Amino acid sequence: MARVVVDVMLKPEILDPQGQAVQRALPRLGFQGISDVRQGKRFELEVDGPVDGTALARIHELAESFLANTVIEDFTVKVEEVKAEAGK
């Protein structure tokens, strides 16, 4: 089993009100030196079988058509190592 991660972020030119709210709150909470905050989404997909070029192409299609609004969001697709759980 493999894990494929799709990270979705607003495009840089799109206003991010949630990120701005976090950025404004940080100094009040004692966190200094953070000049910008952007908020996004992370999807972790557990894939049965090998993650080959065909599987990645289908996941890219899934991300483009369902997980991200490509008018205002960019996304990346990457394969992550899945660590075995203890006792399995």
Protein backbone atom coordinates (compact mmCIF):
# COMPACT_ATOMS: atom_id res chain seq x y z
CA MET A 1 0.00 0.00 0.00
CA ALA A 2 1.23 3.48 -0.82
CA ARG A 3 0.15 6.96 0.20
CA VAL A 4 -0.24 9.74 -2.32
CA VAL A 5 -0.56 13.26 -0.94
CA VAL A 6 -2.36 16.04 -2.79
CA ASP A 7 -1.68 19.51 -1.40
CA VAL A 8 -4.06 22.24 -2.58
CA MET A 9 -3.27 25.94 -2.11
CA LEU A 10 -4.88 29.13 -3.29
CA LYS A 11 -3.00 30.68 -6.17
CA PRO A 12 -0.67 33.48 -4.98
CA GLU A 13 -2.79 36.21 -6.55
CA ILE A 14 -5.96 35.04 -4.73
CA LEU A 15 -6.80 36.71 -1.41
CA ASP A 16 -6.55 34.28 1.55
CA PRO A 17 -8.74 35.67 4.37
CA GLN A 18 -8.15 32.66 6.64
CA GLY A 19 -4.40 32.97 6.27
CA GLN A 20 -4.60 36.71 6.95
CA ALA A 21 -6.67 36.14 10.11
CA VAL A 22 -4.05 33.70 11.40
CA GLN A 23 -1.24 36.10 10.50
CA ARG A 24 -2.91 38.96 12.41
CA ALA A 25 -3.44 36.75 15.48
CA LEU A 26 0.14 35.47 15.73
CA PRO A 27 1.72 38.58 17.33
CA ARG A 28 -1.04 38.69 19.94
CA LEU A 29 -0.23 35.08 20.79
CA GLY A 30 3.48 35.82 21.15
CA PHE A 31 4.66 34.55 17.77
CA GLN A 32 6.86 37.17 16.09
CA GLY A 33 8.64 37.19 12.74
CA ILE A 34 5.97 35.52 10.60
CA SER A 35 5.49 37.74 7.55
CA ASP A 36 2.84 35.75 5.67
CA VAL A 37 0.45 32.84 6.21
CA ARG A 38 -1.37 30.91 3.48
CA GLN A 39 -3.88 28.23 4.37
CA GLY A 40 -4.47 25.16 2.22
CA LYS A 41 -5.83 21.63 2.14
CA ARG A 42 -4.04 18.29 2.32
CA PHE A 43 -5.53 15.05 1.03
CA GLU A 44 -3.90 11.69 1.85
CA LEU A 45 -4.94 8.92 -0.50
CA GLU A 46 -4.11 5.31 0.43
CA VAL A 47 -3.56 3.44 -2.83
CA ASP A 48 -3.82 -0.33 -3.24
CA GLY A 49 -1.07 -1.70 -5.41
CA PRO A 50 1.87 0.08 -7.01
CA VAL A 51 1.85 3.80 -7.67
CA ASP A 52 3.05 3.80 -11.24
CA GLY A 53 2.66 6.39 -13.97
CA THR A 54 -0.90 5.28 -14.74
CA ALA A 55 -1.98 5.53 -11.08
CA LEU A 56 -0.36 8.96 -10.71
CA ALA A 57 -2.06 10.17 -13.89
CA ARG A 58 -5.46 9.09 -12.53
CA ILE A 59 -4.78 10.77 -9.19
CA HIS A 60 -3.72 13.94 -11.00
CA GLU A 61 -7.01 13.81 -12.93
CA LEU A 62 -8.90 13.30 -9.64
CA ALA A 63 -7.15 16.29 -8.07
CA GLU A 64 -7.75 18.50 -11.07
CA SER A 65 -11.44 17.64 -11.45
CA PHE A 66 -12.56 17.08 -7.84
CA LEU A 67 -10.11 18.07 -5.10
CA ALA A 68 -9.00 21.48 -6.39
CA ASN A 69 -10.79 24.39 -8.00
CA THR A 70 -8.13 25.05 -10.62
CA VAL A 71 -9.51 28.50 -11.38
CA ILE A 72 -8.27 29.75 -7.98
CA GLU A 73 -6.14 26.88 -6.62
CA ASP A 74 -2.91 25.11 -7.50
CA PHE A 75 -2.11 21.56 -6.40
CA THR A 76 0.82 19.17 -6.11
CA VAL A 77 0.77 15.38 -6.11
CA LYS A 78 3.51 13.38 -4.41
CA VAL A 79 4.06 9.84 -3.21
CA GLU A 80 4.86 9.47 0.50
CA GLU A 81 6.47 6.54 2.23
CA VAL A 82 4.07 4.68 4.50
CA LYS A 83 5.73 3.50 7.69
CA ALA A 84 4.63 0.10 8.96
CA GLU A 85 2.56 0.25 12.13
CA ALA A 86 3.82 -1.65 15.17
CA GLY A 87 2.24 -5.07 15.55
CA LYS A 88 1.24 -5.45 11.90
